[in-house]
């Protein structure tokens, strides 16, 4: 996807990937092409997997409360009477590192 983005939009200066794995793929393409991150193109992912803090450059990403999401989903399935039936929103937190 990063290769295609560079082809279609050569002026790209930032990428926000749907997950950290996709961000690592974009980072790999940029590294192979010797495009400096974040000086030429900033990269950010989503998930904050443990490797994000160890990659080079360290990946800027966002977190999400997986345990809260999973327990809320399980509760609504296992105990529908206890679930309030309203939509639940779970905030993310930006984790600024070197890639953006």
PDB file of N, CA and C in Angstrom:
ATOM      1  N   UNK A   1       0.824  -1.198   0.000  1.00  0.00           N
ATOM      2  CA  UNK A   1       0.000   0.000   0.000  1.00  0.00           C
ATOM      3  C   UNK A   1       0.868   1.263   0.000  1.00  0.00           C
ATOM      4  N   UNK A   2       1.999   1.210   0.718  1.00  0.00           N
ATOM      5  CA  UNK A   2       2.879   2.375   0.746  1.00  0.00           C
ATOM      6  C   UNK A   2       3.474   2.633  -0.634  1.00  0.00           C
ATOM      7  N   UNK A   3       3.843   1.586  -1.321  1.00  0.00           N
ATOM      8  CA  UNK A   3       4.378   1.723  -2.677  1.00  0.00           C
ATOM      9  C   UNK A   3       3.341   2.375  -3.588  1.00  0.00           C
ATOM     10  N   UNK A   4       2.105   1.926  -3.497  1.00  0.00           N
ATOM     11  CA  UNK A   4       1.026   2.487  -4.310  1.00  0.00           C
ATOM     12  C   UNK A   4       0.765   3.950  -3.931  1.00  0.00           C
ATOM     13  N   UNK A   5       0.784   4.253  -2.649  1.00  0.00           N
ATOM     14  CA  UNK A   5       0.557   5.631  -2.204  1.00  0.00           C
ATOM     15  C   UNK A   5       1.646   6.557  -2.741  1.00  0.00           C
ATOM     16  N   UNK A   6       2.892   6.110  -2.718  1.00  0.00           N
ATOM     17  CA  UNK A   6       3.988   6.935  -3.246  1.00  0.00           C
ATOM     18  C   UNK A   6       3.827   7.161  -4.745  1.00  0.00           C
ATOM     19  N   UNK A   7       3.325   6.145  -5.436  1.00  0.00           N
ATOM     20  CA  UNK A   7       3.104   6.263  -6.880  1.00  0.00           C
ATOM     21  C   UNK A   7       1.949   7.235  -7.181  1.00  0.00           C
ATOM     22  N   UNK A   8       0.830   7.061  -6.472  1.00  0.00           N
ATOM     23  CA  UNK A   8      -0.356   7.889  -6.729  1.00  0.00           C
ATOM     24  C   UNK A   8      -0.222   9.310  -6.217  1.00  0.00           C
ATOM     25  N   UNK A   9       0.382   9.445  -5.041  1.00  0.00           N
ATOM     26  CA  UNK A   9       0.476  10.743  -4.384  1.00  0.00           C
ATOM     27  C   UNK A   9       1.929  11.011  -3.981  1.00  0.00           C
ATOM     28  N   UNK A  10       2.754  11.384  -4.931  1.00  0.00           N
ATOM     29  CA  UNK A  10       4.181  11.564  -4.647  1.00  0.00           C
ATOM     30  C   UNK A  10       4.485  12.634  -3.595  1.00  0.00           C
ATOM     31  N   UNK A  11       3.554  13.506  -3.323  1.00  0.00           N
ATOM     32  CA  UNK A  11       3.762  14.538  -2.310  1.00  0.00           C
ATOM     33  C   UNK A  11       3.360  14.120  -0.910  1.00  0.00           C
ATOM     34  N   UNK A  12       3.045  12.843  -0.714  1.00  0.00           N
ATOM     35  CA  UNK A  12       2.618  12.360   0.600  1.00  0.00           C
ATOM     36  C   UNK A  12       3.658  12.716   1.656  1.00  0.00           C
ATOM     37  N   UNK A  13       3.191  13.291   2.778  1.00  0.00           N
ATOM     38  CA  UNK A  13       4.132  13.619   3.844  1.00  0.00           C
ATOM     39  C   UNK A  13       3.756  12.985   5.188  1.00  0.00           C
ATOM     40  N   UNK A  14       2.653  12.226   5.212  1.00  0.00           N
ATOM     41  CA  UNK A  14       2.251  11.541   6.440  1.00  0.00           C
ATOM     42  C   UNK A  14       1.339  10.370   6.107  1.00  0.00           C
ATOM     43  N   UNK A  15       1.439   9.326   6.913  1.00  0.00           N
ATOM     44  CA  UNK A  15       0.591   8.142   6.764  1.00  0.00           C
ATOM     45  C   UNK A  15       0.108   7.736   8.151  1.00  0.00           C
ATOM     46  N   UNK A  16      -1.211   7.568   8.285  1.00  0.00           N
ATOM     47  CA  UNK A  16      -1.781   7.008   9.515  1.00  0.00           C
ATOM     48  C   UNK A  16      -2.343   5.653   9.140  1.00  0.00           C
ATOM     49  N   UNK A  17      -1.663   4.596   9.519  1.00  0.00           N
ATOM     50  CA  UNK A  17      -2.048   3.239   9.158  1.00  0.00           C
ATOM     51  C   UNK A  17      -3.166   2.724  10.069  1.00  0.00           C
ATOM     52  N   UNK A  18      -3.925   1.770   9.569  1.00  0.00           N
ATOM     53  CA  UNK A  18      -5.047   1.224  10.333  1.00  0.00           C
ATOM     54  C   UNK A  18      -4.603   0.355  11.497  1.00  0.00           C
ATOM     55  N   UNK A  19      -3.357  -0.103  11.469  1.00  0.00           N
ATOM     56  CA  UNK A  19      -2.811  -0.890  12.571  1.00  0.00           C
ATOM     57  C   UNK A  19      -1.288  -0.770  12.535  1.00  0.00           C
ATOM     58  N   UNK A  20      -0.656  -1.162  13.620  1.00  0.00           N
ATOM     59  CA  UNK A  20       0.799  -1.070  13.684  1.00  0.00           C
ATOM     60  C   UNK A  20       1.467  -1.953  12.638  1.00  0.00           C
ATOM     61  N   UNK A  21       0.896  -3.124  12.356  1.00  0.00           N
ATOM     62  CA  UNK A  21       1.485  -4.020  11.347  1.00  0.00           C
ATOM     63  C   UNK A  21       1.562  -3.328   9.988  1.00  0.00           C
ATOM     64  N   UNK A  22       0.510  -2.619   9.602  1.00  0.00           N
ATOM     65  CA  UNK A  22       0.518  -1.884   8.339  1.00  0.00           C
ATOM     66  C   UNK A  22       1.527  -0.741   8.391  1.00  0.00           C
ATOM     67  N   UNK A  23       1.659  -0.098   9.536  1.00  0.00           N
ATOM     68  CA  UNK A  23       2.643   0.977   9.696  1.00  0.00           C
ATOM     69  C   UNK A  23       4.062   0.431   9.546  1.00  0.00           C
ATOM     70  N   UNK A  24       4.309  -0.775  10.088  1.00  0.00           N
ATOM     71  CA  UNK A  24       5.628  -1.396   9.930  1.00  0.00           C
ATOM     72  C   UNK A  24       5.906  -1.696   8.458  1.00  0.00           C
ATOM     73  N   UNK A  25       4.890  -2.112   7.723  1.00  0.00           N
ATOM     74  CA  UNK A  25       5.046  -2.350   6.293  1.00  0.00           C
ATOM     75  C   UNK A  25       5.398  -1.074   5.558  1.00  0.00           C
ATOM     76  N   UNK A  26       4.712   0.021   5.881  1.00  0.00           N
ATOM     77  CA  UNK A  26       4.998   1.316   5.266  1.00  0.00           C
ATOM     78  C   UNK A  26       6.413   1.764   5.621  1.00  0.00           C
ATOM     79  N   UNK A  27       6.786   1.580   6.864  1.00  0.00           N
ATOM     80  CA  UNK A  27       8.123   1.944   7.321  1.00  0.00           C
ATOM     81  C   UNK A  27       9.195   1.157   6.570  1.00  0.00           C
ATOM     82  N   UNK A  28       8.922  -0.115   6.315  1.00  0.00           N
ATOM     83  CA  UNK A  28       9.859  -0.963   5.580  1.00  0.00           C
ATOM     84  C   UNK A  28      10.069  -0.447   4.157  1.00  0.00           C
ATOM     85  N   UNK A  29       8.981  -0.101   3.480  1.00  0.00           N
ATOM     86  CA  UNK A  29       9.078   0.425   2.110  1.00  0.00           C
ATOM     87  C   UNK A  29       9.879   1.723   2.104  1.00  0.00           C
ATOM     88  N   UNK A  30       9.595   2.606   3.046  1.00  0.00           N
ATOM     89  CA  UNK A  30      10.304   3.886   3.097  1.00  0.00           C
ATOM     90  C   UNK A  30      11.788   3.687   3.390  1.00  0.00           C
ATOM     91  N   UNK A  31      12.104   2.750   4.272  1.00  0.00           N
ATOM     92  CA  UNK A  31      13.501   2.450   4.590  1.00  0.00           C
ATOM     93  C   UNK A  31      14.226   1.908   3.361  1.00  0.00           C
ATOM     94  N   UNK A  32      13.587   0.982   2.632  1.00  0.00           N
ATOM     95  CA  UNK A  32      14.186   0.423   1.419  1.00  0.00           C
ATOM     96  C   UNK A  32      14.447   1.508   0.380  1.00  0.00           C
ATOM     97  N   UNK A  33      13.585   2.497   0.330  1.00  0.00           N
ATOM     98  CA  UNK A  33      13.741   3.582  -0.659  1.00  0.00           C
ATOM     99  C   UNK A  33      14.576   4.734  -0.110  1.00  0.00           C
ATOM    100  N   UNK A  34      15.093   4.565   1.083  1.00  0.00           N
ATOM    101  CA  UNK A  34      15.909   5.589   1.741  1.00  0.00           C
ATOM    102  C   UNK A  34      15.167   6.928   1.898  1.00  0.00           C
ATOM    103  N   UNK A  35      13.886   6.832   2.191  1.00  0.00           N
ATOM    104  CA  UNK A  35      13.063   8.021   2.462  1.00  0.00           C
ATOM    105  C   UNK A  35      13.055   8.203   3.978  1.00  0.00           C
ATOM    106  N   UNK A  36      13.586   9.325   4.476  1.00  0.00           N
ATOM    107  CA  UNK A  36      13.717   9.484   5.927  1.00  0.00           C
ATOM    108  C   UNK A  36      12.379   9.689   6.646  1.00  0.00           C
ATOM    109  N   UNK A  37      12.218   8.938   7.719  1.00  0.00           N
ATOM    110  CA  UNK A  37      11.032   9.016   8.581  1.00  0.00           C
ATOM    111  C   UNK A  37      11.486   9.618   9.906  1.00  0.00           C
ATOM    112  N   UNK A  38      10.873  10.638  10.402  1.00  0.00           N
ATOM    113  CA  UNK A  38       9.693  11.356   9.941  1.00  0.00           C
ATOM    114  C   UNK A  38      10.014  12.596   9.105  1.00  0.00           C
ATOM    115  N   UNK A  39      11.288  12.828   8.784  1.00  0.00           N
ATOM    116  CA  UNK A  39      11.660  14.075   8.097  1.00  0.00           C
ATOM    117  C   UNK A  39      10.929  14.265   6.770  1.00  0.00           C
ATOM    118  N   UNK A  40      10.832  13.207   5.961  1.00  0.00           N
ATOM    119  CA  UNK A  40      10.139  13.319   4.670  1.00  0.00           C
ATOM    120  C   UNK A  40       8.687  12.866   4.785  1.00  0.00           C
ATOM    121  N   UNK A  41       8.483  11.747   5.466  1.00  0.00           N
ATOM    122  CA  UNK A  41       7.125  11.206   5.646  1.00  0.00           C
ATOM    123  C   UNK A  41       6.988  10.705   7.086  1.00  0.00           C
ATOM    124  N   UNK A  42       5.992  11.207   7.778  1.00  0.00           N
ATOM    125  CA  UNK A  42       5.696  10.759   9.138  1.00  0.00           C
ATOM    126  C   UNK A  42       4.802   9.521   9.064  1.00  0.00           C
ATOM    127  N   UNK A  43       5.001   8.600   9.989  1.00  0.00           N
ATOM    128  CA  UNK A  43       4.211   7.354  10.027  1.00  0.00           C
ATOM    129  C   UNK A  43       3.617   7.194  11.425  1.00  0.00           C
ATOM    130  N   UNK A  44       2.342   6.816  11.481  1.00  0.00           N
ATOM    131  CA  UNK A  44       1.697   6.478  12.755  1.00  0.00           C
ATOM    132  C   UNK A  44       0.838   5.244  12.542  1.00  0.00           C
ATOM    133  N   UNK A  45       0.726   4.442  13.583  1.00  0.00           N
ATOM    134  CA  UNK A  45      -0.079   3.233  13.525  1.00  0.00           C
ATOM    135  C   UNK A  45      -1.194   3.273  14.550  1.00  0.00           C
ATOM    136  N   UNK A  46      -1.763   2.111  14.814  1.00  0.00           N
ATOM    137  CA  UNK A  46      -2.834   2.000  15.805  1.00  0.00           C
ATOM    138  C   UNK A  46      -2.768   0.612  16.415  1.00  0.00           C
ATOM    139  N   UNK A  47      -2.628   0.503  17.687  1.00  0.00           N
ATOM    140  CA  UNK A  47      -2.625  -0.728  18.485  1.00  0.00           C
ATOM    141  C   UNK A  47      -1.633  -0.636  19.630  1.00  0.00           C
ATOM    142  N   UNK A  48      -0.509   0.018  19.422  1.00  0.00           N
ATOM    143  CA  UNK A  48       0.588   0.077  20.384  1.00  0.00           C
ATOM    144  C   UNK A  48       1.063  -1.317  20.785  1.00  0.00           C
ATOM    145  N   UNK A  49       1.376  -2.122  19.773  1.00  0.00           N
ATOM    146  CA  UNK A  49       1.949  -3.436  20.053  1.00  0.00           C
ATOM    147  C   UNK A  49       3.327  -3.241  20.681  1.00  0.00           C
ATOM    148  N   UNK A  50       3.809  -4.201  21.469  1.00  0.00           N
ATOM    149  CA  UNK A  50       5.095  -4.033  22.164  1.00  0.00           C
ATOM    150  C   UNK A  50       6.262  -3.655  21.246  1.00  0.00           C
ATOM    151  N   UNK A  51       6.301  -4.198  20.034  1.00  0.00           N
ATOM    152  CA  UNK A  51       7.413  -3.904  19.132  1.00  0.00           C
ATOM    153  C   UNK A  51       7.438  -2.442  18.683  1.00  0.00           C
ATOM    154  N   UNK A  52       6.316  -1.747  18.794  1.00  0.00           N
ATOM    155  CA  UNK A  52       6.252  -0.343  18.360  1.00  0.00           C
ATOM    156  C   UNK A  52       7.279   0.516  19.089  1.00  0.00           C
ATOM    157  N   UNK A  53       7.532   0.209  20.341  1.00  0.00           N
ATOM    158  CA  UNK A  53       8.495   0.975  21.131  1.00  0.00           C
ATOM    159  C   UNK A  53       9.934   0.559  20.837  1.00  0.00           C
ATOM    160  N   UNK A  54      10.127  -0.568  20.141  1.00  0.00           N
ATOM    161  CA  UNK A  54      11.465  -1.081  19.871  1.00  0.00           C
ATOM    162  C   UNK A  54      11.888  -0.900  18.419  1.00  0.00           C
ATOM    163  N   UNK A  55      10.948  -0.607  17.533  1.00  0.00           N
ATOM    164  CA  UNK A  55      11.263  -0.429  16.111  1.00  0.00           C
ATOM    165  C   UNK A  55      12.165   0.793  15.951  1.00  0.00           C
ATOM    166  N   UNK A  56      12.785   0.901  14.784  1.00  0.00           N
ATOM    167  CA  UNK A  56      13.562   2.120  14.506  1.00  0.00           C
ATOM    168  C   UNK A  56      13.122   2.721  13.198  1.00  0.00           C
ATOM    169  N   UNK A  57      12.631   3.938  13.194  1.00  0.00           N
ATOM    170  CA  UNK A  57      12.380   4.738  14.389  1.00  0.00           C
ATOM    171  C   UNK A  57      11.217   4.159  15.204  1.00  0.00           C
ATOM    172  N   UNK A  58      11.221   4.484  16.484  1.00  0.00           N
ATOM    173  CA  UNK A  58      10.130   4.009  17.339  1.00  0.00           C
ATOM    174  C   UNK A  58       8.814   4.548  16.791  1.00  0.00           C
ATOM    175  N   UNK A  59       7.807   3.671  16.724  1.00  0.00           N
ATOM    176  CA  UNK A  59       6.558   3.980  16.031  1.00  0.00           C
ATOM    177  C   UNK A  59       5.594   4.793  16.888  1.00  0.00           C
ATOM    178  N   UNK A  60       5.175   5.932  16.364  1.00  0.00           N
ATOM    179  CA  UNK A  60       4.070   6.690  16.955  1.00  0.00           C
ATOM    180  C   UNK A  60       2.803   5.886  16.685  1.00  0.00           C
ATOM    181  N   UNK A  61       1.952   5.757  17.685  1.00  0.00           N
ATOM    182  CA  UNK A  61       0.782   4.896  17.555  1.00  0.00           C
ATOM    183  C   UNK A  61      -0.324   5.389  18.493  1.00  0.00           C
ATOM    184  N   UNK A  62      -1.396   4.663  18.555  1.00  0.00           N
ATOM    185  CA  UNK A  62      -2.486   4.971  19.483  1.00  0.00           C
ATOM    186  C   UNK A  62      -2.882   3.678  20.192  1.00  0.00           C
ATOM    187  N   UNK A  63      -3.308   3.812  21.416  1.00  0.00           N
ATOM    188  CA  UNK A  63      -3.724   2.659  22.202  1.00  0.00           C
ATOM    189  C   UNK A  63      -5.245   2.525  22.161  1.00  0.00           C
ATOM    190  N   UNK A  64      -5.714   1.399  22.589  1.00  0.00           N
ATOM    191  CA  UNK A  64      -7.144   1.216  22.816  1.00  0.00           C
ATOM    192  C   UNK A  64      -7.297   0.198  23.931  1.00  0.00           C
ATOM    193  N   UNK A  65      -8.306   0.369  24.789  1.00  0.00           N
ATOM    194  CA  UNK A  65      -8.460  -0.484  25.971  1.00  0.00           C
ATOM    195  C   UNK A  65      -9.071  -1.853  25.624  1.00  0.00           C
ATOM    196  N   UNK A  66      -8.257  -2.762  25.149  1.00  0.00           N
ATOM    197  CA  UNK A  66      -8.728  -4.063  24.671  1.00  0.00           C
ATOM    198  C   UNK A  66      -9.497  -4.818  25.756  1.00  0.00           C
ATOM    199  N   UNK A  67      -8.976  -4.841  26.960  1.00  0.00           N
ATOM    200  CA  UNK A  67      -9.657  -5.597  28.036  1.00  0.00           C
ATOM    201  C   UNK A  67     -11.041  -5.027  28.345  1.00  0.00           C
ATOM    202  N   UNK A  68     -11.151  -3.697  28.383  1.00  0.00           N
ATOM    203  CA  UNK A  68     -12.463  -3.078  28.643  1.00  0.00           C
ATOM    204  C   UNK A  68     -13.434  -3.365  27.511  1.00  0.00           C
ATOM    205  N   UNK A  69     -12.951  -3.298  26.286  1.00  0.00           N
ATOM    206  CA  UNK A  69     -13.814  -3.582  25.131  1.00  0.00           C
ATOM    207  C   UNK A  69     -14.278  -5.030  25.181  1.00  0.00           C
ATOM    208  N   UNK A  70     -13.350  -5.951  25.422  1.00  0.00           N
ATOM    209  CA  UNK A  70     -13.692  -7.379  25.458  1.00  0.00           C
ATOM    210  C   UNK A  70     -14.643  -7.697  26.604  1.00  0.00           C
ATOM    211  N   UNK A  71     -14.393  -7.141  27.781  1.00  0.00           N
ATOM    212  CA  UNK A  71     -15.272  -7.456  28.912  1.00  0.00           C
ATOM    213  C   UNK A  71     -16.663  -6.867  28.719  1.00  0.00           C
ATOM    214  N   UNK A  72     -16.758  -5.690  28.132  1.00  0.00           N
ATOM    215  CA  UNK A  72     -18.067  -5.088  27.855  1.00  0.00           C
ATOM    216  C   UNK A  72     -18.832  -5.929  26.833  1.00  0.00           C
ATOM    217  N   UNK A  73     -18.127  -6.387  25.797  1.00  0.00           N
ATOM    218  CA  UNK A  73     -18.769  -7.228  24.778  1.00  0.00           C
ATOM    219  C   UNK A  73     -19.229  -8.552  25.385  1.00  0.00           C
ATOM    220  N   UNK A  74     -18.373  -9.169  26.196  1.00  0.00           N
ATOM    221  CA  UNK A  74     -18.731 -10.447  26.823  1.00  0.00           C
ATOM    222  C   UNK A  74     -19.919 -10.277  27.761  1.00  0.00           C
ATOM    223  N   UNK A  75     -19.906  -9.212  28.543  1.00  0.00           N
ATOM    224  CA  UNK A  75     -21.015  -8.960  29.469  1.00  0.00           C
ATOM    225  C   UNK A  75     -22.325  -8.802  28.714  1.00  0.00           C
ATOM    226  N   UNK A  76     -22.301  -8.071  27.584  1.00  0.00           N
ATOM    227  CA  UNK A  76     -23.548  -7.887  26.839  1.00  0.00           C
ATOM    228  C   UNK A  76     -24.066  -9.194  26.260  1.00  0.00           C
ATOM    229  N   UNK A  77     -23.175 -10.132  25.965  1.00  0.00           N
ATOM    230  CA  UNK A  77     -23.610 -11.428  25.436  1.00  0.00           C
ATOM    231  C   UNK A  77     -24.045 -12.382  26.543  1.00  0.00           C
ATOM    232  N   UNK A  78     -23.278 -12.392  27.633  1.00  0.00           N
ATOM    233  CA  UNK A  78     -23.542 -13.357  28.703  1.00  0.00           C
ATOM    234  C   UNK A  78     -24.635 -12.910  29.666  1.00  0.00           C
ATOM    235  N   UNK A  79     -24.760 -11.622  29.872  1.00  0.00           N
ATOM    236  CA  UNK A  79     -25.753 -11.101  30.800  1.00  0.00           C
ATOM    237  C   UNK A  79     -26.505  -9.931  30.169  1.00  0.00           C
ATOM    238  N   UNK A  80     -27.339 -10.207  29.154  1.00  0.00           N
ATOM    239  CA  UNK A  80     -28.025  -9.118  28.456  1.00  0.00           C
ATOM    240  C   UNK A  80     -28.868  -8.238  29.368  1.00  0.00           C
ATOM    241  N   UNK A  81     -29.370  -8.792  30.460  1.00  0.00           N
ATOM    242  CA  UNK A  81     -30.186  -8.006  31.382  1.00  0.00           C
ATOM    243  C   UNK A  81     -29.324  -6.948  32.078  1.00  0.00           C
ATOM    244  N   UNK A  82     -28.054  -7.307  32.377  1.00  0.00           N
ATOM    245  CA  UNK A  82     -27.161  -6.363  33.058  1.00  0.00           C
ATOM    246  C   UNK A  82     -26.630  -5.299  32.105  1.00  0.00           C
ATOM    247  N   UNK A  83     -26.592  -5.603  30.828  1.00  0.00           N
ATOM    248  CA  UNK A  83     -26.105  -4.625  29.847  1.00  0.00           C
ATOM    249  C   UNK A  83     -27.149  -3.523  29.678  1.00  0.00           C
ATOM    250  N   UNK A  84     -26.697  -2.300  29.545  1.00  0.00           N
ATOM    251  CA  UNK A  84     -27.645  -1.184  29.476  1.00  0.00           C
ATOM    252  C   UNK A  84     -28.223  -0.957  28.090  1.00  0.00           C
ATOM    253  N   UNK A  85     -27.715  -1.635  27.065  1.00  0.00           N
ATOM    254  CA  UNK A  85     -28.257  -1.508  25.720  1.00  0.00           C
ATOM    255  C   UNK A  85     -27.825  -0.246  24.983  1.00  0.00           C
ATOM    256  N   UNK A  86     -27.042   0.601  25.640  1.00  0.00           N
ATOM    257  CA  UNK A  86     -26.571   1.827  25.014  1.00  0.00           C
ATOM    258  C   UNK A  86     -25.224   1.594  24.337  1.00  0.00           C
ATOM    259  N   UNK A  87     -24.908   2.392  23.329  1.00  0.00           N
ATOM    260  CA  UNK A  87     -23.584   2.241  22.712  1.00  0.00           C
ATOM    261  C   UNK A  87     -22.480   2.626  23.698  1.00  0.00           C
ATOM    262  N   UNK A  88     -21.388   1.960  23.598  1.00  0.00           N
ATOM    263  CA  UNK A  88     -20.239   2.241  24.463  1.00  0.00           C
ATOM    264  C   UNK A  88     -19.124   2.832  23.609  1.00  0.00           C
ATOM    265  N   UNK A  89     -18.447   3.816  24.143  1.00  0.00           N
ATOM    266  CA  UNK A  89     -17.336   4.442  23.444  1.00  0.00           C
ATOM    267  C   UNK A  89     -16.070   4.236  24.256  1.00  0.00           C
ATOM    268  N   UNK A  90     -15.022   3.850  23.586  1.00  0.00           N
ATOM    269  CA  UNK A  90     -13.751   3.589  24.242  1.00  0.00           C
ATOM    270  C   UNK A  90     -12.700   4.485  23.604  1.00  0.00           C
ATOM    271  N   UNK A  91     -12.169   5.385  24.367  1.00  0.00           N
ATOM    272  CA  UNK A  91     -11.191   6.341  23.853  1.00  0.00           C
ATOM    273  C   UNK A  91      -9.833   5.712  23.590  1.00  0.00           C
ATOM    274  N   UNK A  92      -9.112   6.334  22.698  1.00  0.00           N
ATOM    275  CA  UNK A  92      -7.745   5.941  22.395  1.00  0.00           C
ATOM    276  C   UNK A  92      -6.820   7.013  22.948  1.00  0.00           C
ATOM    277  N   UNK A  93      -5.574   6.642  23.116  1.00  0.00           N
ATOM    278  CA  UNK A  93      -4.597   7.590  23.581  1.00  0.00           C
ATOM    279  C   UNK A  93      -3.424   7.589  22.616  1.00  0.00           C
ATOM    280  N   UNK A  94      -3.008   8.761  22.196  1.00  0.00           N
ATOM    281  CA  UNK A  94      -1.874   8.890  21.286  1.00  0.00           C
ATOM    282  C   UNK A  94      -0.581   8.632  22.052  1.00  0.00           C
ATOM    283  N   UNK A  95       0.287   7.811  21.460  1.00  0.00           N
ATOM    284  CA  UNK A  95       1.596   7.510  22.039  1.00  0.00           C
ATOM    285  C   UNK A  95       2.635   8.088  21.080  1.00  0.00           C
ATOM    286  N   UNK A  96       3.134   9.272  21.402  1.00  0.00           N
ATOM    287  CA  UNK A  96       4.083   9.939  20.522  1.00  0.00           C
ATOM    288  C   UNK A  96       5.469   9.314  20.660  1.00  0.00           C
ATOM    289  N   UNK A  97       6.006   8.924  19.515  1.00  0.00           N
ATOM    290  CA  UNK A  97       7.371   8.400  19.478  1.00  0.00           C
ATOM    291  C   UNK A  97       8.090   9.063  18.308  1.00  0.00           C
ATOM    292  N   UNK A  98       9.116   8.436  17.781  1.00  0.00           N
ATOM    293  CA  UNK A  98      10.006   9.081  16.804  1.00  0.00           C
ATOM    294  C   UNK A  98       9.486   9.143  15.372  1.00  0.00           C
ATOM    295  N   UNK A  99       8.520   8.329  14.996  1.00  0.00           N
ATOM    296  CA  UNK A  99       8.147   8.224  13.574  1.00  0.00           C
ATOM    297  C   UNK A  99       7.204   9.341  13.094  1.00  0.00           C
ATOM    298  N   UNK A 100       6.701  10.140  14.014  1.00  0.00           N
ATOM    299  CA  UNK A 100       5.814  11.240  13.601  1.00  0.00           C
ATOM    300  C   UNK A 100       5.956  12.419  14.549  1.00  0.00           C
TER     301      UNK A 100
END
